[in-house]
Amino acid sequence: MCTTCGCGAGQTLIGGHALKQRKQAVGQVQYRTPDSSAHEHSHDHAHVHSHDLIDFGTGPAGAHAPGMTQARMVKIERDILSKNDGYASENRGYLAAHGIFALNLVSSPGSGKTTLLVKSISALNGSVPLAVIEGDQQTDNDAARIRATGAAALQINTGKGCHLDAYMVGQAMQQLGLQDDSLLLIENVGNLVCPASFDLGEAHKVAILSVTEGEDKPLKYPDMFRASDLMLLNKCDLLPYLTFDANLAIENARRVNPNIKVIRISATSGEGMEEWLAWIKAGCGKAVAAK
């Protein structure tokens, strides 16, 4: 649990040496989420001895905070996330009643989220009314880039906060004055940890993984990829110049989340943009039909 925001619910565990039950043999892989039982299967990897690893992710809270008991951490986490879920439910109800399709874009810093948004907005070319909520610790640089496309954009600065929460997004939705039957794109703070735990009321989380990152990102940060319905494998135009194994990255994402949809994309070359925009338009159509 993050001692700033209380995030950490629904921890997904990968790898035998990362399990809370240390008596299990090294070489087992376990996925654990709040709504599913543990699933195990064998997987070959380098043998890890207990003295090769210090794991502060053990215990009921799945995290460590100096001077705080696990029980206290769990209580704080439950209180924060319960309150957030209430705001998220309100957001979701409003969005559904007005036929608004909302996406929560999550990634590490530098994955290309904002560039991809700018290119997507330009490619949609006014075919779908839309607005953007930008999340960053400081500055309104990204919101300014979005506004340059002609789209409405509101910046949320989180200060020391490491993610957007449902209350912040609800306030932004009110200030933006969203149109009925529209698209809401939420660019979360660059962080592959904390945003996984916070429901904003969105229809889907969309994880963006750049090919300039490692293929093992989904295994290192499994909660985020487990929580996402779509992964955009971004900057694919750079693949000829890198040693990045795109197939392995997708395989790793599906080890964590077998149901995750993947689109290989490049805002620079245009690869995958048509499929991505078609997915957005289909979601908008469903939101309007369900209104």
C-alpha atoms as a PDB file:
ATOM      1  CA  MET A   1       0.000   0.000   0.000  1.00  0.00           C
ATOM      2  CA  CYS A   2       1.236   3.466  -0.900  1.00  0.00           C
ATOM      3  CA  THR A   3       1.321   5.545   2.279  1.00  0.00           C
ATOM      4  CA  THR A   4       0.390   8.641   0.268  1.00  0.00           C
ATOM      5  CA  CYS A   5      -2.728   7.349  -1.470  1.00  0.00           C
ATOM      6  CA  GLY A   6      -3.561   3.981   0.085  1.00  0.00           C
ATOM      7  CA  CYS A   7      -3.354   2.079  -3.195  1.00  0.00           C
ATOM      8  CA  GLY A   8      -2.415  -1.567  -3.338  1.00  0.00           C
ATOM      9  CA  ALA A   9      -5.662  -3.543  -3.380  1.00  0.00           C
ATOM     10  CA  GLY A  10      -5.984  -6.620  -5.558  1.00  0.00           C
ATOM     11  CA  GLN A  11      -2.304  -7.442  -5.746  1.00  0.00           C
ATOM     12  CA  THR A  12      -1.389  -9.758  -8.614  1.00  0.00           C
ATOM     13  CA  LEU A  13       1.573 -11.987  -7.739  1.00  0.00           C
ATOM     14  CA  ILE A  14       3.976 -13.284 -10.380  1.00  0.00           C
ATOM     15  CA  GLY A  15       6.786 -15.792  -9.870  1.00  0.00           C
ATOM     16  CA  GLY A  16       7.556 -18.370  -7.217  1.00  0.00           C
ATOM     17  CA  HIS A  17       9.999 -16.133  -5.335  1.00  0.00           C
ATOM     18  CA  ALA A  18       7.363 -13.366  -5.081  1.00  0.00           C
ATOM     19  CA  LEU A  19       4.690 -15.430  -3.390  1.00  0.00           C
ATOM     20  CA  LYS A  20       3.489 -14.772   0.103  1.00  0.00           C
ATOM     21  CA  GLN A  21       3.557 -18.499   0.756  1.00  0.00           C
ATOM     22  CA  ARG A  22       7.331 -19.015   0.763  1.00  0.00           C
ATOM     23  CA  LYS A  23       7.029 -22.764   1.213  1.00  0.00           C
ATOM     24  CA  GLN A  24       5.889 -23.179  -2.391  1.00  0.00           C
ATOM     25  CA  ALA A  25       8.580 -24.394  -4.747  1.00  0.00           C
ATOM     26  CA  VAL A  26      10.457 -21.859  -6.823  1.00  0.00           C
ATOM     27  CA  GLY A  27       9.269 -22.125 -10.441  1.00  0.00           C
ATOM     28  CA  GLN A  28       5.552 -21.732  -9.752  1.00  0.00           C
ATOM     29  CA  VAL A  29       3.600 -18.743 -11.040  1.00  0.00           C
ATOM     30  CA  GLN A  30       0.550 -17.485  -9.165  1.00  0.00           C
ATOM     31  CA  TYR A  31      -2.019 -14.868 -10.070  1.00  0.00           C
ATOM     32  CA  ARG A  32      -4.149 -13.579  -7.223  1.00  0.00           C
ATOM     33  CA  THR A  33      -6.860 -10.932  -7.454  1.00  0.00           C
ATOM     34  CA  PRO A  34      -9.785 -10.087  -5.188  1.00  0.00           C
ATOM     35  CA  ASP A  35     -12.338 -11.782  -7.437  1.00  0.00           C
ATOM     36  CA  SER A  36     -10.452 -14.876  -8.541  1.00  0.00           C
ATOM     37  CA  SER A  37      -8.830 -17.867  -6.934  1.00  0.00           C
ATOM     38  CA  ALA A  38      -5.110 -18.459  -7.275  1.00  0.00           C
ATOM     39  CA  HIS A  39      -3.982 -20.112 -10.486  1.00  0.00           C
ATOM     40  CA  GLU A  40      -0.673 -21.903 -10.658  1.00  0.00           C
ATOM     41  CA  HIS A  41       1.381 -23.350 -13.473  1.00  0.00           C
ATOM     42  CA  SER A  42       5.005 -24.287 -13.898  1.00  0.00           C
ATOM     43  CA  HIS A  43       7.381 -21.887 -15.575  1.00  0.00           C
ATOM     44  CA  ASP A  44      11.094 -22.262 -16.141  1.00  0.00           C
ATOM     45  CA  HIS A  45      13.317 -19.465 -14.924  1.00  0.00           C
ATOM     46  CA  ALA A  46      16.554 -18.972 -13.026  1.00  0.00           C
ATOM     47  CA  HIS A  47      16.506 -20.474  -9.547  1.00  0.00           C
ATOM     48  CA  VAL A  48      16.197 -17.805  -6.855  1.00  0.00           C
ATOM     49  CA  HIS A  49      17.408 -18.423  -3.312  1.00  0.00           C
ATOM     50  CA  SER A  50      15.765 -16.712  -0.362  1.00  0.00           C
ATOM     51  CA  HIS A  51      18.974 -14.806   0.387  1.00  0.00           C
ATOM     52  CA  ASP A  52      18.920 -13.264  -3.121  1.00  0.00           C
ATOM     53  CA  LEU A  53      15.762 -11.265  -2.443  1.00  0.00           C
ATOM     54  CA  ILE A  54      14.307  -8.937   0.174  1.00  0.00           C
ATOM     55  CA  ASP A  55      10.529  -8.817  -0.319  1.00  0.00           C
ATOM     56  CA  PHE A  56       8.570  -6.030   1.407  1.00  0.00           C
ATOM     57  CA  GLY A  57       5.407  -7.089  -0.408  1.00  0.00           C
ATOM     58  CA  THR A  58       4.539  -9.850   2.035  1.00  0.00           C
ATOM     59  CA  GLY A  59       1.809  -9.598   4.643  1.00  0.00           C
ATOM     60  CA  PRO A  60      -1.902  -8.740   4.379  1.00  0.00           C
ATOM     61  CA  ALA A  61      -1.248  -5.196   3.130  1.00  0.00           C
ATOM     62  CA  GLY A  62       1.127  -6.360   0.399  1.00  0.00           C
ATOM     63  CA  ALA A  63       3.444  -3.452   1.215  1.00  0.00           C
ATOM     64  CA  HIS A  64       5.554  -1.882   3.964  1.00  0.00           C
ATOM     65  CA  ALA A  65       5.410   1.495   5.694  1.00  0.00           C
ATOM     66  CA  PRO A  66       7.899   2.430   8.431  1.00  0.00           C
ATOM     67  CA  GLY A  67       6.262   2.419  11.857  1.00  0.00           C
ATOM     68  CA  MET A  68       2.857   1.247  10.614  1.00  0.00           C
ATOM     69  CA  THR A  69       1.336  -2.167  11.273  1.00  0.00           C
ATOM     70  CA  GLN A  70      -0.053  -4.304   8.483  1.00  0.00           C
ATOM     71  CA  ALA A  71      -3.511  -4.154  10.082  1.00  0.00           C
ATOM     72  CA  ARG A  72      -3.441  -0.346  10.137  1.00  0.00           C
ATOM     73  CA  MET A  73      -2.306  -0.225   6.510  1.00  0.00           C
ATOM     74  CA  VAL A  74      -5.136  -2.528   5.447  1.00  0.00           C
ATOM     75  CA  LYS A  75      -7.718  -0.387   7.277  1.00  0.00           C
ATOM     76  CA  ILE A  76      -6.451   2.829   5.679  1.00  0.00           C
ATOM     77  CA  GLU A  77      -6.447   1.194   2.257  1.00  0.00           C
ATOM     78  CA  ARG A  78      -9.992  -0.091   2.623  1.00  0.00           C
ATOM     79  CA  ASP A  79     -11.272   3.276   3.846  1.00  0.00           C
ATOM     80  CA  ILE A  80      -9.652   5.210   0.989  1.00  0.00           C
ATOM     81  CA  LEU A  81     -10.652   2.802  -1.761  1.00  0.00           C
ATOM     82  CA  SER A  82     -14.200   2.461  -0.437  1.00  0.00           C
ATOM     83  CA  LYS A  83     -14.660   6.231  -0.564  1.00  0.00           C
ATOM     84  CA  ASN A  84     -13.118   6.355  -4.029  1.00  0.00           C
ATOM     85  CA  ASP A  85     -15.437   3.604  -5.266  1.00  0.00           C
ATOM     86  CA  GLY A  86     -18.415   5.682  -4.153  1.00  0.00           C
ATOM     87  CA  TYR A  87     -17.283   8.639  -6.251  1.00  0.00           C
ATOM     88  CA  ALA A  88     -16.475   6.297  -9.153  1.00  0.00           C
ATOM     89  CA  SER A  89     -20.002   4.892  -9.023  1.00  0.00           C
ATOM     90  CA  GLU A  90     -21.411   8.415  -9.249  1.00  0.00           C
ATOM     91  CA  ASN A  91     -19.159   9.191 -12.227  1.00  0.00           C
ATOM     92  CA  ARG A  92     -20.128   5.956 -13.952  1.00  0.00           C
ATOM     93  CA  GLY A  93     -23.826   6.652 -13.451  1.00  0.00           C
ATOM     94  CA  TYR A  94     -23.512  10.117 -14.955  1.00  0.00           C
ATOM     95  CA  LEU A  95     -21.487   8.878 -17.922  1.00  0.00           C
ATOM     96  CA  ALA A  96     -23.945   6.054 -18.622  1.00  0.00           C
ATOM     97  CA  ALA A  97     -26.975   8.345 -18.382  1.00  0.00           C
ATOM     98  CA  HIS A  98     -25.459  10.720 -20.924  1.00  0.00           C
ATOM     99  CA  GLY A  99     -24.047   8.139 -23.359  1.00  0.00           C
ATOM    100  CA  ILE A 100     -20.436   9.153 -22.719  1.00  0.00           C
ATOM    101  CA  PHE A 101     -17.683   6.607 -23.431  1.00  0.00           C
ATOM    102  CA  ALA A 102     -14.817   7.184 -20.974  1.00  0.00           C
ATOM    103  CA  LEU A 103     -11.320   5.699 -21.236  1.00  0.00           C
ATOM    104  CA  ASN A 104      -8.594   5.798 -18.586  1.00  0.00           C
ATOM    105  CA  LEU A 105      -5.192   5.824 -20.318  1.00  0.00           C
ATOM    106  CA  VAL A 106      -2.431   4.509 -18.062  1.00  0.00           C
ATOM    107  CA  SER A 107       1.294   3.976 -18.611  1.00  0.00           C
ATOM    108  CA  SER A 108       4.763   4.778 -17.370  1.00  0.00           C
ATOM    109  CA  PRO A 109       6.158   8.267 -18.139  1.00  0.00           C
ATOM    110  CA  GLY A 110       7.404   8.698 -21.694  1.00  0.00           C
ATOM    111  CA  SER A 111       5.287   5.959 -23.275  1.00  0.00           C
ATOM    112  CA  GLY A 112       3.830   8.406 -25.778  1.00  0.00           C
ATOM    113  CA  LYS A 113       0.325   8.845 -24.290  1.00  0.00           C
ATOM    114  CA  THR A 114      -0.046  12.521 -25.109  1.00  0.00           C
ATOM    115  CA  THR A 115       1.354  12.234 -28.643  1.00  0.00           C
ATOM    116  CA  LEU A 116      -0.972   9.316 -29.294  1.00  0.00           C
ATOM    117  CA  LEU A 117      -3.921  11.342 -27.971  1.00  0.00           C
ATOM    118  CA  VAL A 118      -3.050  14.317 -30.190  1.00  0.00           C
ATOM    119  CA  LYS A 119      -2.828  12.094 -33.269  1.00  0.00           C
ATOM    120  CA  SER A 120      -6.032  10.259 -32.337  1.00  0.00           C
ATOM    121  CA  ILE A 121      -7.985  13.483 -31.886  1.00  0.00           C
ATOM    122  CA  SER A 122      -6.732  14.761 -35.239  1.00  0.00           C
ATOM    123  CA  ALA A 123      -7.622  11.475 -36.953  1.00  0.00           C
ATOM    124  CA  LEU A 124     -11.140  11.466 -35.465  1.00  0.00           C
ATOM    125  CA  ASN A 125     -11.500  14.883 -37.118  1.00  0.00           C
ATOM    126  CA  GLY A 126     -14.616  15.903 -35.233  1.00  0.00           C
ATOM    127  CA  SER A 127     -16.513  12.689 -36.009  1.00  0.00           C
ATOM    128  CA  VAL A 128     -17.007  12.164 -32.266  1.00  0.00           C
ATOM    129  CA  PRO A 129     -17.491  15.010 -29.751  1.00  0.00           C
ATOM    130  CA  LEU A 130     -14.753  14.639 -27.152  1.00  0.00           C
ATOM    131  CA  ALA A 131     -13.024  16.122 -24.163  1.00  0.00           C
ATOM    132  CA  VAL A 132      -9.769  15.282 -22.388  1.00  0.00           C
ATOM    133  CA  ILE A 133      -8.766  15.241 -18.725  1.00  0.00           C
ATOM    134  CA  GLU A 134      -5.007  15.418 -18.186  1.00  0.00           C
ATOM    135  CA  GLY A 135      -3.318  14.241 -14.998  1.00  0.00           C
ATOM    136  CA  ASP A 136       0.194  15.314 -13.996  1.00  0.00           C
ATOM    137  CA  GLN A 137       1.910  16.255 -10.766  1.00  0.00           C
ATOM    138  CA  GLN A 138       2.808  19.708 -12.103  1.00  0.00           C
ATOM    139  CA  THR A 139       2.361  21.978 -15.184  1.00  0.00           C
ATOM    140  CA  ASP A 140      -0.410  22.103 -17.772  1.00  0.00           C
ATOM    141  CA  ASN A 141       1.895  21.308 -20.689  1.00  0.00           C
ATOM    142  CA  ASP A 142      -0.046  18.258 -21.860  1.00  0.00           C
ATOM    143  CA  ALA A 143      -3.423  19.992 -21.659  1.00  0.00           C
ATOM    144  CA  ALA A 144      -2.000  22.817 -23.773  1.00  0.00           C
ATOM    145  CA  ARG A 145      -0.932  20.291 -26.420  1.00  0.00           C
ATOM    146  CA  ILE A 146      -4.441  18.849 -26.460  1.00  0.00           C
ATOM    147  CA  ARG A 147      -6.112  22.266 -26.684  1.00  0.00           C
ATOM    148  CA  ALA A 148      -3.942  23.042 -29.710  1.00  0.00           C
ATOM    149  CA  THR A 149      -5.950  20.379 -31.589  1.00  0.00           C
ATOM    150  CA  GLY A 150      -9.157  22.284 -30.863  1.00  0.00           C
ATOM    151  CA  ALA A 151     -10.391  19.773 -28.278  1.00  0.00           C
ATOM    152  CA  ALA A 152     -11.555  20.785 -24.805  1.00  0.00           C
ATOM    153  CA  ALA A 153      -8.991  19.787 -22.183  1.00  0.00           C
ATOM    154  CA  LEU A 154      -8.706  20.311 -18.446  1.00  0.00           C
ATOM    155  CA  GLN A 155      -5.496  19.769 -16.484  1.00  0.00           C
ATOM    156  CA  ILE A 156      -5.509  18.192 -13.025  1.00  0.00           C
ATOM    157  CA  ASN A 157      -2.328  18.729 -11.024  1.00  0.00           C
ATOM    158  CA  THR A 158      -1.961  16.136  -8.274  1.00  0.00           C
ATOM    159  CA  GLY A 159       1.020  17.649  -6.429  1.00  0.00           C
ATOM    160  CA  LYS A 160       2.676  14.781  -4.580  1.00  0.00           C
ATOM    161  CA  GLY A 161      -0.179  12.480  -5.592  1.00  0.00           C
ATOM    162  CA  CYS A 162       0.783   9.614  -7.877  1.00  0.00           C
ATOM    163  CA  HIS A 163      -2.531   9.074  -9.688  1.00  0.00           C
ATOM    164  CA  LEU A 164      -5.948  10.523 -10.437  1.00  0.00           C
ATOM    165  CA  ASP A 165      -8.855   9.503  -8.253  1.00  0.00           C
ATOM    166  CA  ALA A 166     -12.598   9.443  -8.874  1.00  0.00           C
ATOM    167  CA  TYR A 167     -13.304  12.642  -6.928  1.00  0.00           C
ATOM    168  CA  MET A 168     -10.772  14.601  -9.004  1.00  0.00           C
ATOM    169  CA  VAL A 169     -12.259  13.271 -12.229  1.00  0.00           C
ATOM    170  CA  GLY A 170     -15.803  14.028 -11.082  1.00  0.00           C
ATOM    171  CA  GLN A 171     -14.857  17.659 -10.425  1.00  0.00           C
ATOM    172  CA  ALA A 172     -13.193  17.880 -13.838  1.00  0.00           C
ATOM    173  CA  MET A 173     -16.251  16.383 -15.546  1.00  0.00           C
ATOM    174  CA  GLN A 174     -18.445  19.081 -14.020  1.00  0.00           C
ATOM    175  CA  GLN A 175     -16.100  21.865 -15.051  1.00  0.00           C
ATOM    176  CA  LEU A 176     -15.768  20.569 -18.614  1.00  0.00           C
ATOM    177  CA  GLY A 177     -19.536  20.403 -19.163  1.00  0.00           C
ATOM    178  CA  LEU A 178     -19.380  17.190 -21.183  1.00  0.00           C
ATOM    179  CA  GLN A 179     -21.618  16.756 -24.215  1.00  0.00           C
ATOM    180  CA  ASP A 180     -24.074  13.887 -24.419  1.00  0.00           C
ATOM    181  CA  ASP A 181     -23.065  10.990 -26.697  1.00  0.00           C
ATOM    182  CA  SER A 182     -19.392  11.927 -26.554  1.00  0.00           C
ATOM    183  CA  LEU A 183     -15.930  10.542 -25.795  1.00  0.00           C
ATOM    184  CA  LEU A 184     -14.002  11.309 -22.606  1.00  0.00           C
ATOM    185  CA  LEU A 185     -10.277  10.547 -22.664  1.00  0.00           C
ATOM    186  CA  ILE A 186      -8.533  10.568 -19.279  1.00  0.00           C
ATOM    187  CA  GLU A 187      -4.743  10.622 -19.385  1.00  0.00           C
ATOM    188  CA  ASN A 188      -3.633   9.445 -15.951  1.00  0.00           C
ATOM    189  CA  VAL A 189      -0.403  10.380 -14.191  1.00  0.00           C
ATOM    190  CA  GLY A 190       2.564   8.457 -15.626  1.00  0.00           C
ATOM    191  CA  ASN A 191       2.759   5.549 -13.184  1.00  0.00           C
ATOM    192  CA  LEU A 192       2.329   1.795 -13.626  1.00  0.00           C
ATOM    193  CA  VAL A 193       1.521   1.165  -9.957  1.00  0.00           C
ATOM    194  CA  CYS A 194      -1.030   3.363  -8.185  1.00  0.00           C
ATOM    195  CA  PRO A 195      -3.592   4.050 -10.962  1.00  0.00           C
ATOM    196  CA  ALA A 196      -4.313   0.306 -11.157  1.00  0.00           C
ATOM    197  CA  SER A 197      -6.214   0.395  -7.862  1.00  0.00           C
ATOM    198  CA  PHE A 198      -8.324   3.481  -8.472  1.00  0.00           C
ATOM    199  CA  ASP A 199     -11.576   3.196 -10.411  1.00  0.00           C
ATOM    200  CA  LEU A 200     -12.460   6.545 -11.995  1.00  0.00           C
ATOM    201  CA  GLY A 201     -15.835   5.442 -13.360  1.00  0.00           C
ATOM    202  CA  GLU A 202     -14.342   4.719 -16.788  1.00  0.00           C
ATOM    203  CA  ALA A 203     -15.546   2.058 -19.197  1.00  0.00           C
ATOM    204  CA  HIS A 204     -12.029   0.676 -19.709  1.00  0.00           C
ATOM    205  CA  LYS A 205      -8.455   1.134 -18.594  1.00  0.00           C
ATOM    206  CA  VAL A 206      -6.120   1.245 -21.592  1.00  0.00           C
ATOM    207  CA  ALA A 207      -2.486   0.386 -20.823  1.00  0.00           C
ATOM    208  CA  ILE A 208       0.105   1.884 -23.155  1.00  0.00           C
ATOM    209  CA  LEU A 209       3.413   0.045 -23.348  1.00  0.00           C
ATOM    210  CA  SER A 210       6.167   1.556 -25.477  1.00  0.00           C
ATOM    211  CA  VAL A 211       8.632  -0.660 -27.349  1.00  0.00           C
ATOM    212  CA  THR A 212      11.391   1.479 -25.826  1.00  0.00           C
ATOM    213  CA  GLU A 213      10.553  -0.149 -22.486  1.00  0.00           C
ATOM    214  CA  GLY A 214      11.201  -3.752 -21.473  1.00  0.00           C
ATOM    215  CA  GLU A 215       9.203  -6.776 -22.629  1.00  0.00           C
ATOM    216  CA  ASP A 216       8.860  -7.789 -18.972  1.00  0.00           C
ATOM    217  CA  LYS A 217       6.963  -4.646 -17.896  1.00  0.00           C
ATOM    218  CA  PRO A 218       3.660  -6.582 -17.645  1.00  0.00           C
ATOM    219  CA  LEU A 219       5.344  -9.048 -15.265  1.00  0.00           C
ATOM    220  CA  LYS A 220       7.012  -6.345 -13.182  1.00  0.00           C
ATOM    221  CA  TYR A 221       3.799  -4.321 -12.896  1.00  0.00           C
ATOM    222  CA  PRO A 222       1.104  -6.990 -13.216  1.00  0.00           C
ATOM    223  CA  ASP A 223      -1.704  -5.164 -11.395  1.00  0.00           C
ATOM    224  CA  MET A 224      -1.920  -2.523 -14.113  1.00  0.00           C
ATOM    225  CA  PHE A 225      -2.071  -4.984 -16.989  1.00  0.00           C
ATOM    226  CA  ARG A 226      -4.487  -7.168 -15.065  1.00  0.00           C
ATOM    227  CA  ALA A 227      -6.806  -4.166 -14.606  1.00  0.00           C
ATOM    228  CA  SER A 228      -6.648  -3.091 -18.272  1.00  0.00           C
ATOM    229  CA  ASP A 229      -8.922  -4.319 -21.050  1.00  0.00           C
ATOM    230  CA  LEU A 230      -6.707  -3.080 -23.879  1.00  0.00           C
ATOM    231  CA  MET A 231      -2.948  -2.748 -24.315  1.00  0.00           C
ATOM    232  CA  LEU A 232      -1.569  -0.434 -26.974  1.00  0.00           C
ATOM    233  CA  LEU A 233       1.953  -1.535 -27.913  1.00  0.00           C
ATOM    234  CA  ASN A 234       3.186   1.899 -28.916  1.00  0.00           C
ATOM    235  CA  LYS A 235       6.071   3.300 -31.008  1.00  0.00           C
ATOM    236  CA  CYS A 236       6.150   0.184 -33.193  1.00  0.00           C
ATOM    237  CA  ASP A 237       7.865   2.216 -35.928  1.00  0.00           C
ATOM    238  CA  LEU A 238      11.024   1.919 -33.803  1.00  0.00           C
ATOM    239  CA  LEU A 239      11.074  -1.887 -33.728  1.00  0.00           C
ATOM    240  CA  PRO A 240      13.636  -2.228 -36.575  1.00  0.00           C
ATOM    241  CA  TYR A 241      16.120  -0.253 -34.470  1.00  0.00           C
ATOM    242  CA  LEU A 242      15.598  -2.068 -31.166  1.00  0.00           C
ATOM    243  CA  THR A 243      16.079  -5.529 -29.704  1.00  0.00           C
ATOM    244  CA  PHE A 244      12.569  -5.400 -28.213  1.00  0.00           C
ATOM    245  CA  ASP A 245      10.625  -8.650 -28.695  1.00  0.00           C
ATOM    246  CA  ALA A 246       7.040  -7.555 -29.377  1.00  0.00           C
ATOM    247  CA  ASN A 247       5.665 -11.095 -29.320  1.00  0.00           C
ATOM    248  CA  LEU A 248       7.228 -11.728 -25.912  1.00  0.00           C
ATOM    249  CA  ALA A 249       5.774  -8.486 -24.533  1.00  0.00           C
ATOM    250  CA  ILE A 250       2.302  -9.533 -25.689  1.00  0.00           C
ATOM    251  CA  GLU A 251       2.814 -13.044 -24.308  1.00  0.00           C
ATOM    252  CA  ASN A 252       3.782 -11.567 -20.926  1.00  0.00           C
ATOM    253  CA  ALA A 253       0.727  -9.305 -20.894  1.00  0.00           C
ATOM    254  CA  ARG A 254      -1.502 -12.299 -21.576  1.00  0.00           C
ATOM    255  CA  ARG A 255       0.178 -14.317 -18.820  1.00  0.00           C
ATOM    256  CA  VAL A 256      -1.109 -11.665 -16.438  1.00  0.00           C
ATOM    257  CA  ASN A 257      -4.423 -11.061 -18.221  1.00  0.00           C
ATOM    258  CA  PRO A 258      -5.449 -13.737 -20.763  1.00  0.00           C
ATOM    259  CA  ASN A 259      -8.363 -11.570 -21.945  1.00  0.00           C
ATOM    260  CA  ILE A 260      -6.432  -8.380 -22.675  1.00  0.00           C
ATOM    261  CA  LYS A 261      -6.820  -7.103 -26.243  1.00  0.00           C
ATOM    262  CA  VAL A 262      -3.619  -5.866 -27.898  1.00  0.00           C
ATOM    263  CA  ILE A 263      -3.163  -3.381 -30.742  1.00  0.00           C
ATOM    264  CA  ARG A 264       0.283  -2.690 -32.176  1.00  0.00           C
ATOM    265  CA  ILE A 265       0.362   1.015 -32.913  1.00  0.00           C
ATOM    266  CA  SER A 266       2.515   3.954 -33.921  1.00  0.00           C
ATOM    267  CA  ALA A 267       1.387   7.559 -33.813  1.00  0.00           C
ATOM    268  CA  THR A 268       4.320   8.382 -36.123  1.00  0.00           C
ATOM    269  CA  SER A 269       3.791   5.854 -38.929  1.00  0.00           C
ATOM    270  CA  GLY A 270       0.049   5.403 -38.461  1.00  0.00           C
ATOM    271  CA  GLU A 271       0.327   1.655 -37.889  1.00  0.00           C
ATOM    272  CA  GLY A 272      -2.643   0.368 -35.917  1.00  0.00           C
ATOM    273  CA  MET A 273      -4.397   3.736 -35.796  1.00  0.00           C
ATOM    274  CA  GLU A 274      -7.338   2.554 -37.870  1.00  0.00           C
ATOM    275  CA  GLU A 275      -7.931  -0.403 -35.544  1.00  0.00           C
ATOM    276  CA  TRP A 276      -7.575   1.796 -32.447  1.00  0.00           C
ATOM    277  CA  LEU A 277     -10.031   4.411 -33.763  1.00  0.00           C
ATOM    278  CA  ALA A 278     -12.499   1.705 -34.806  1.00  0.00           C
ATOM    279  CA  TRP A 279     -12.341   0.304 -31.256  1.00  0.00           C
ATOM    280  CA  ILE A 280     -13.074   3.769 -29.842  1.00  0.00           C
ATOM    281  CA  LYS A 281     -15.987   4.365 -32.210  1.00  0.00           C
ATOM    282  CA  ALA A 282     -17.468   0.962 -31.390  1.00  0.00           C
ATOM    283  CA  GLY A 283     -17.302   1.816 -27.686  1.00  0.00           C
ATOM    284  CA  CYS A 284     -18.948   5.184 -28.289  1.00  0.00           C
ATOM    285  CA  GLY A 285     -21.733   3.470 -30.221  1.00  0.00           C
ATOM    286  CA  LYS A 286     -22.364   1.016 -27.395  1.00  0.00           C
ATOM    287  CA  ALA A 287     -22.451   3.822 -24.819  1.00  0.00           C
ATOM    288  CA  VAL A 288     -25.035   5.735 -26.839  1.00  0.00           C
ATOM    289  CA  ALA A 289     -27.143   2.622 -27.447  1.00  0.00           C
ATOM    290  CA  ALA A 290     -27.129   1.757 -23.726  1.00  0.00           C
ATOM    291  CA  LYS A 291     -28.150   5.255 -22.635  1.00  0.00           C
END
